[in-house]
């Protein structure tokens, strides 16, 4: 039994959108609510990160396949993998197990798995992306 390409691309797009939403929540909304709850400035705990914009674009691109899906998707995937692996390496050298760093680490591990799957998909289906 195999997964149809369209179903797999929909799955990757959904996962990217889920992670974009999670990133917005965990890096912007939760820190704002936390700061307000403890009487701090609302910007105190925000983790400025705009990768979610690239993730939304890549999700859209997986739903509307073109050669840009492969080109930009490859650039995003390679950049994400390098950054994630480096950050996880640095984290595990001296881990801090507080609410912020633990949530961050879980997010990075999930993103690592996602971008490994995306990279494998881009390589395996390269011809499909250039047909469009």
C-alpha atoms as a PDB file:
ATOM      1  CA  UNK A   1       0.000   0.000   0.000  1.00  0.00           C
ATOM      2  CA  UNK A   2       1.393   3.392  -0.924  1.00  0.00           C
ATOM      3  CA  UNK A   3       0.366   6.946  -0.313  1.00  0.00           C
ATOM      4  CA  UNK A   4      -0.760   8.966  -3.322  1.00  0.00           C
ATOM      5  CA  UNK A   5       1.433  11.950  -4.126  1.00  0.00           C
ATOM      6  CA  UNK A   6      -1.474  14.377  -3.776  1.00  0.00           C
ATOM      7  CA  UNK A   7      -2.306  12.993  -0.324  1.00  0.00           C
ATOM      8  CA  UNK A   8       1.350  13.213   0.744  1.00  0.00           C
ATOM      9  CA  UNK A   9       1.631  16.837  -0.459  1.00  0.00           C
ATOM     10  CA  UNK A  10      -1.614  17.687   1.370  1.00  0.00           C
ATOM     11  CA  UNK A  11      -0.175  16.074   4.504  1.00  0.00           C
ATOM     12  CA  UNK A  12       3.054  18.104   4.259  1.00  0.00           C
ATOM     13  CA  UNK A  13       1.070  21.297   3.620  1.00  0.00           C
ATOM     14  CA  UNK A  14      -1.178  20.623   6.613  1.00  0.00           C
ATOM     15  CA  UNK A  15       1.846  19.891   8.821  1.00  0.00           C
ATOM     16  CA  UNK A  16       3.516  23.121   7.674  1.00  0.00           C
ATOM     17  CA  UNK A  17       0.363  25.132   8.424  1.00  0.00           C
ATOM     18  CA  UNK A  18       0.013  23.451  11.810  1.00  0.00           C
ATOM     19  CA  UNK A  19       3.631  24.284  12.649  1.00  0.00           C
ATOM     20  CA  UNK A  20       3.208  27.878  11.441  1.00  0.00           C
ATOM     21  CA  UNK A  21       0.209  28.229  13.751  1.00  0.00           C
ATOM     22  CA  UNK A  22       2.120  26.562  16.605  1.00  0.00           C
ATOM     23  CA  UNK A  23       5.059  28.915  16.043  1.00  0.00           C
ATOM     24  CA  UNK A  24       2.785  31.965  16.175  1.00  0.00           C
ATOM     25  CA  UNK A  25       1.168  30.651  19.341  1.00  0.00           C
ATOM     26  CA  UNK A  26       4.290  29.561  21.211  1.00  0.00           C
ATOM     27  CA  UNK A  27       6.536  32.461  20.174  1.00  0.00           C
ATOM     28  CA  UNK A  28       4.057  35.350  20.163  1.00  0.00           C
ATOM     29  CA  UNK A  29       0.643  34.690  21.735  1.00  0.00           C
ATOM     30  CA  UNK A  30       1.658  32.525  24.709  1.00  0.00           C
ATOM     31  CA  UNK A  31       4.483  34.903  25.718  1.00  0.00           C
ATOM     32  CA  UNK A  32       2.083  37.867  25.533  1.00  0.00           C
ATOM     33  CA  UNK A  33      -0.530  36.085  27.687  1.00  0.00           C
ATOM     34  CA  UNK A  34       2.185  34.982  30.105  1.00  0.00           C
ATOM     35  CA  UNK A  35       3.580  38.522  30.389  1.00  0.00           C
ATOM     36  CA  UNK A  36       0.135  40.048  30.922  1.00  0.00           C
ATOM     37  CA  UNK A  37      -0.680  37.412  33.554  1.00  0.00           C
ATOM     38  CA  UNK A  38       2.470  38.264  35.521  1.00  0.00           C
ATOM     39  CA  UNK A  39       2.238  42.034  35.021  1.00  0.00           C
ATOM     40  CA  UNK A  40       5.221  42.329  32.656  1.00  0.00           C
ATOM     41  CA  UNK A  41       5.536  44.311  29.449  1.00  0.00           C
ATOM     42  CA  UNK A  42       3.815  42.357  26.651  1.00  0.00           C
ATOM     43  CA  UNK A  43       7.034  42.179  24.606  1.00  0.00           C
ATOM     44  CA  UNK A  44       9.140  40.724  27.454  1.00  0.00           C
ATOM     45  CA  UNK A  45       8.949  37.060  26.431  1.00  0.00           C
ATOM     46  CA  UNK A  46       8.249  37.236  22.686  1.00  0.00           C
ATOM     47  CA  UNK A  47      10.671  35.153  20.623  1.00  0.00           C
ATOM     48  CA  UNK A  48      10.924  37.070  17.370  1.00  0.00           C
ATOM     49  CA  UNK A  49      10.754  34.582  14.540  1.00  0.00           C
ATOM     50  CA  UNK A  50       9.254  34.935  11.086  1.00  0.00           C
ATOM     51  CA  UNK A  51       9.952  31.472   9.657  1.00  0.00           C
ATOM     52  CA  UNK A  52       6.218  30.877   9.866  1.00  0.00           C
ATOM     53  CA  UNK A  53       5.816  33.104   6.790  1.00  0.00           C
ATOM     54  CA  UNK A  54       8.105  30.795   4.774  1.00  0.00           C
ATOM     55  CA  UNK A  55       6.253  27.757   6.142  1.00  0.00           C
ATOM     56  CA  UNK A  56       2.888  29.145   5.003  1.00  0.00           C
ATOM     57  CA  UNK A  57       4.316  29.904   1.547  1.00  0.00           C
ATOM     58  CA  UNK A  58       5.768  26.395   1.285  1.00  0.00           C
ATOM     59  CA  UNK A  59       2.457  24.853   2.397  1.00  0.00           C
ATOM     60  CA  UNK A  60       0.643  26.836  -0.301  1.00  0.00           C
ATOM     61  CA  UNK A  61       3.281  25.779  -2.799  1.00  0.00           C
ATOM     62  CA  UNK A  62       2.779  22.080  -1.972  1.00  0.00           C
ATOM     63  CA  UNK A  63      -0.912  22.573  -2.717  1.00  0.00           C
ATOM     64  CA  UNK A  64      -0.113  24.371  -6.003  1.00  0.00           C
ATOM     65  CA  UNK A  65       2.936  22.549  -7.369  1.00  0.00           C
ATOM     66  CA  UNK A  66       5.357  24.483  -9.583  1.00  0.00           C
ATOM     67  CA  UNK A  67       9.089  24.587 -10.214  1.00  0.00           C
ATOM     68  CA  UNK A  68       9.278  27.203  -7.455  1.00  0.00           C
ATOM     69  CA  UNK A  69       8.121  24.529  -5.019  1.00  0.00           C
ATOM     70  CA  UNK A  70      11.361  22.662  -5.630  1.00  0.00           C
ATOM     71  CA  UNK A  71      13.679  25.681  -5.851  1.00  0.00           C
ATOM     72  CA  UNK A  72      12.402  27.736  -2.915  1.00  0.00           C
ATOM     73  CA  UNK A  73      11.426  24.616  -0.975  1.00  0.00           C
ATOM     74  CA  UNK A  74      14.999  23.347  -1.269  1.00  0.00           C
ATOM     75  CA  UNK A  75      16.426  26.662  -0.090  1.00  0.00           C
ATOM     76  CA  UNK A  76      14.022  26.788   2.872  1.00  0.00           C
ATOM     77  CA  UNK A  77      14.666  23.131   3.758  1.00  0.00           C
ATOM     78  CA  UNK A  78      18.448  23.386   3.619  1.00  0.00           C
ATOM     79  CA  UNK A  79      18.450  26.598   5.647  1.00  0.00           C
ATOM     80  CA  UNK A  80      16.029  25.139   8.208  1.00  0.00           C
ATOM     81  CA  UNK A  81      18.015  21.905   8.565  1.00  0.00           C
ATOM     82  CA  UNK A  82      21.324  23.715   9.071  1.00  0.00           C
ATOM     83  CA  UNK A  83      19.842  26.124  11.609  1.00  0.00           C
ATOM     84  CA  UNK A  84      17.854  23.466  13.498  1.00  0.00           C
ATOM     85  CA  UNK A  85      20.743  21.005  13.734  1.00  0.00           C
ATOM     86  CA  UNK A  86      23.099  23.747  14.925  1.00  0.00           C
ATOM     87  CA  UNK A  87      20.615  25.066  17.492  1.00  0.00           C
ATOM     88  CA  UNK A  88      19.821  21.581  18.814  1.00  0.00           C
ATOM     89  CA  UNK A  89      23.531  20.809  19.072  1.00  0.00           C
ATOM     90  CA  UNK A  90      24.077  23.983  21.098  1.00  0.00           C
ATOM     91  CA  UNK A  91      21.008  23.311  23.240  1.00  0.00           C
ATOM     92  CA  UNK A  92      21.986  19.756  24.144  1.00  0.00           C
ATOM     93  CA  UNK A  93      25.510  20.858  25.060  1.00  0.00           C
ATOM     94  CA  UNK A  94      24.025  22.905  27.891  1.00  0.00           C
ATOM     95  CA  UNK A  95      20.266  22.280  28.184  1.00  0.00           C
ATOM     96  CA  UNK A  96      17.967  24.493  30.217  1.00  0.00           C
ATOM     97  CA  UNK A  97      14.774  22.666  31.091  1.00  0.00           C
ATOM     98  CA  UNK A  98      12.421  25.577  31.716  1.00  0.00           C
ATOM     99  CA  UNK A  99       9.071  26.184  30.038  1.00  0.00           C
ATOM    100  CA  UNK A 100      10.554  28.384  27.297  1.00  0.00           C
ATOM    101  CA  UNK A 101      13.538  26.256  26.316  1.00  0.00           C
ATOM    102  CA  UNK A 102      11.662  22.958  26.572  1.00  0.00           C
ATOM    103  CA  UNK A 103       8.874  24.218  24.292  1.00  0.00           C
ATOM    104  CA  UNK A 104      11.490  25.597  21.917  1.00  0.00           C
ATOM    105  CA  UNK A 105      13.375  22.273  21.845  1.00  0.00           C
ATOM    106  CA  UNK A 106      10.208  20.250  21.192  1.00  0.00           C
ATOM    107  CA  UNK A 107       9.338  22.627  18.348  1.00  0.00           C
ATOM    108  CA  UNK A 108      12.822  22.212  16.839  1.00  0.00           C
ATOM    109  CA  UNK A 109      12.716  18.396  16.983  1.00  0.00           C
ATOM    110  CA  UNK A 110       9.315  18.339  15.271  1.00  0.00           C
ATOM    111  CA  UNK A 111      10.546  20.834  12.664  1.00  0.00           C
ATOM    112  CA  UNK A 112      13.661  18.713  12.081  1.00  0.00           C
ATOM    113  CA  UNK A 113      11.496  15.675  11.298  1.00  0.00           C
ATOM    114  CA  UNK A 114       9.233  17.758   9.040  1.00  0.00           C
ATOM    115  CA  UNK A 115      12.075  19.274   7.027  1.00  0.00           C
ATOM    116  CA  UNK A 116      13.836  15.939   6.661  1.00  0.00           C
ATOM    117  CA  UNK A 117      10.619  14.573   5.144  1.00  0.00           C
ATOM    118  CA  UNK A 118      10.217  17.640   2.927  1.00  0.00           C
ATOM    119  CA  UNK A 119      13.829  17.364   1.735  1.00  0.00           C
ATOM    120  CA  UNK A 120      13.389  13.692   0.909  1.00  0.00           C
ATOM    121  CA  UNK A 121      10.158  14.479  -0.933  1.00  0.00           C
ATOM    122  CA  UNK A 122      11.765  17.271  -2.949  1.00  0.00           C
ATOM    123  CA  UNK A 123      14.645  15.023  -4.002  1.00  0.00           C
ATOM    124  CA  UNK A 124      12.457  11.994  -4.737  1.00  0.00           C
ATOM    125  CA  UNK A 125       9.843  13.940  -6.723  1.00  0.00           C
ATOM    126  CA  UNK A 126      12.164  16.455  -8.420  1.00  0.00           C
ATOM    127  CA  UNK A 127      10.867  15.664 -11.931  1.00  0.00           C
ATOM    128  CA  UNK A 128       7.269  16.284 -10.878  1.00  0.00           C
ATOM    129  CA  UNK A 129       8.080  19.822  -9.726  1.00  0.00           C
ATOM    130  CA  UNK A 130       9.670  20.750 -13.048  1.00  0.00           C
ATOM    131  CA  UNK A 131       6.760  19.332 -15.097  1.00  0.00           C
ATOM    132  CA  UNK A 132       4.409  21.977 -13.721  1.00  0.00           C
END
